[in-house]
Amino acid sequence: MELIIIFGIGMLIGCILTRIIFQTRSVGSLRVDTSDSDDSPYLFLELSKDIEEIYRKKYVMFKVSLKNFIPHE
């Protein structure tokens, strides 16, 4: 029983640390607009850090946000 509790606490701590690390390494968000069904999805890039900081990195990480900007009526 104690092993299960220790395993659960370890999983919880691991999930929290992973979320913190991914949030600090993210340089912005990639918004995907699928409201126009005739065309392929539109992509919008929103940066939260300076472009000079992004130039220095070999890889970057974005948060993906699915949001329709044109409402369907």
C-alpha atoms as a PDB file:
ATOM      1  CA  MET A   1       0.000   0.000   0.000  1.00  0.00           C
ATOM      2  CA  GLU A   2       2.833   2.367   0.862  1.00  0.00           C
ATOM      3  CA  LEU A   3       4.471   1.641  -2.488  1.00  0.00           C
ATOM      4  CA  ILE A   4       1.315   2.719  -4.327  1.00  0.00           C
ATOM      5  CA  ILE A   5       1.165   5.994  -2.367  1.00  0.00           C
ATOM      6  CA  ILE A   6       4.848   6.719  -3.043  1.00  0.00           C
ATOM      7  CA  PHE A   7       4.345   5.918  -6.742  1.00  0.00           C
ATOM      8  CA  GLY A   8       1.316   8.254  -6.913  1.00  0.00           C
ATOM      9  CA  ILE A   9       3.203  11.100  -5.217  1.00  0.00           C
ATOM     10  CA  GLY A  10       6.118  10.576  -7.622  1.00  0.00           C
ATOM     11  CA  MET A  11       3.775  10.710 -10.625  1.00  0.00           C
ATOM     12  CA  LEU A  12       2.167  13.900  -9.319  1.00  0.00           C
ATOM     13  CA  ILE A  13       5.527  15.603  -8.773  1.00  0.00           C
ATOM     14  CA  GLY A  14       6.694  14.466 -12.229  1.00  0.00           C
ATOM     15  CA  CYS A  15       3.580  15.881 -13.907  1.00  0.00           C
ATOM     16  CA  ILE A  16       3.947  19.224 -12.127  1.00  0.00           C
ATOM     17  CA  LEU A  17       7.644  19.526 -13.022  1.00  0.00           C
ATOM     18  CA  THR A  18       6.980  18.593 -16.650  1.00  0.00           C
ATOM     19  CA  ARG A  19       4.267  21.239 -16.934  1.00  0.00           C
ATOM     20  CA  ILE A  20       6.536  23.909 -15.408  1.00  0.00           C
ATOM     21  CA  ILE A  21       9.403  23.020 -17.756  1.00  0.00           C
ATOM     22  CA  PHE A  22       7.189  23.096 -20.856  1.00  0.00           C
ATOM     23  CA  GLN A  23       5.660  26.446 -19.876  1.00  0.00           C
ATOM     24  CA  THR A  24       9.039  28.094 -19.400  1.00  0.00           C
ATOM     25  CA  ARG A  25      10.438  26.759 -22.697  1.00  0.00           C
ATOM     26  CA  SER A  26       7.449  27.827 -24.789  1.00  0.00           C
ATOM     27  CA  VAL A  27       8.173  30.877 -26.950  1.00  0.00           C
ATOM     28  CA  GLY A  28       4.606  31.614 -28.003  1.00  0.00           C
ATOM     29  CA  SER A  29       1.451  30.082 -29.375  1.00  0.00           C
ATOM     30  CA  LEU A  30       0.412  28.698 -32.731  1.00  0.00           C
ATOM     31  CA  ARG A  31      -3.254  29.443 -33.390  1.00  0.00           C
ATOM     32  CA  VAL A  32      -5.060  27.210 -35.867  1.00  0.00           C
ATOM     33  CA  ASP A  33      -8.186  28.661 -37.521  1.00  0.00           C
ATOM     34  CA  THR A  34     -10.397  26.064 -39.209  1.00  0.00           C
ATOM     35  CA  SER A  35     -13.501  28.245 -39.607  1.00  0.00           C
ATOM     36  CA  ASP A  36     -13.230  28.471 -43.420  1.00  0.00           C
ATOM     37  CA  SER A  37     -14.147  24.983 -44.594  1.00  0.00           C
ATOM     38  CA  ASP A  38     -13.269  25.713 -48.253  1.00  0.00           C
ATOM     39  CA  ASP A  39      -9.565  26.295 -47.593  1.00  0.00           C
ATOM     40  CA  SER A  40      -6.987  24.538 -45.526  1.00  0.00           C
ATOM     41  CA  PRO A  41      -6.544  25.800 -41.947  1.00  0.00           C
ATOM     42  CA  TYR A  42      -4.925  29.181 -41.381  1.00  0.00           C
ATOM     43  CA  LEU A  43      -2.000  29.361 -38.956  1.00  0.00           C
ATOM     44  CA  PHE A  44      -1.148  32.414 -36.849  1.00  0.00           C
ATOM     45  CA  LEU A  45       2.043  32.716 -34.825  1.00  0.00           C
ATOM     46  CA  GLU A  46       1.993  34.770 -31.624  1.00  0.00           C
ATOM     47  CA  LEU A  47       5.386  35.201 -29.958  1.00  0.00           C
ATOM     48  CA  SER A  48       5.691  35.877 -26.243  1.00  0.00           C
ATOM     49  CA  LYS A  49       9.487  36.341 -26.287  1.00  0.00           C
ATOM     50  CA  ASP A  50      11.826  38.575 -28.255  1.00  0.00           C
ATOM     51  CA  ILE A  51      12.878  37.428 -31.707  1.00  0.00           C
ATOM     52  CA  GLU A  52      16.565  37.688 -30.726  1.00  0.00           C
ATOM     53  CA  GLU A  53      16.025  35.008 -28.094  1.00  0.00           C
ATOM     54  CA  ILE A  54      14.408  32.738 -30.677  1.00  0.00           C
ATOM     55  CA  TYR A  55      17.282  33.186 -33.160  1.00  0.00           C
ATOM     56  CA  ARG A  56      19.735  31.714 -30.657  1.00  0.00           C
ATOM     57  CA  LYS A  57      17.788  28.473 -30.247  1.00  0.00           C
ATOM     58  CA  LYS A  58      18.028  25.473 -32.525  1.00  0.00           C
ATOM     59  CA  TYR A  59      14.527  24.230 -31.610  1.00  0.00           C
ATOM     60  CA  VAL A  60      11.516  26.088 -30.223  1.00  0.00           C
ATOM     61  CA  MET A  61       8.263  24.959 -28.627  1.00  0.00           C
ATOM     62  CA  PHE A  62       4.806  26.470 -29.174  1.00  0.00           C
ATOM     63  CA  LYS A  63       1.466  26.043 -27.467  1.00  0.00           C
ATOM     64  CA  VAL A  64      -1.178  25.003 -30.013  1.00  0.00           C
ATOM     65  CA  SER A  65      -4.540  26.735 -29.782  1.00  0.00           C
ATOM     66  CA  LEU A  66      -7.487  25.659 -31.944  1.00  0.00           C
ATOM     67  CA  LYS A  67      -9.736  28.675 -32.326  1.00  0.00           C
ATOM     68  CA  ASN A  68     -12.204  29.649 -35.036  1.00  0.00           C
ATOM     69  CA  PHE A  69     -12.153  33.386 -35.701  1.00  0.00           C
ATOM     70  CA  ILE A  70     -15.089  33.449 -38.143  1.00  0.00           C
ATOM     71  CA  PRO A  71     -18.335  32.395 -36.434  1.00  0.00           C
ATOM     72  CA  HIS A  72     -20.689  30.066 -38.357  1.00  0.00           C
ATOM     73  CA  GLU A  73     -24.269  31.237 -38.554  1.00  0.00           C
END
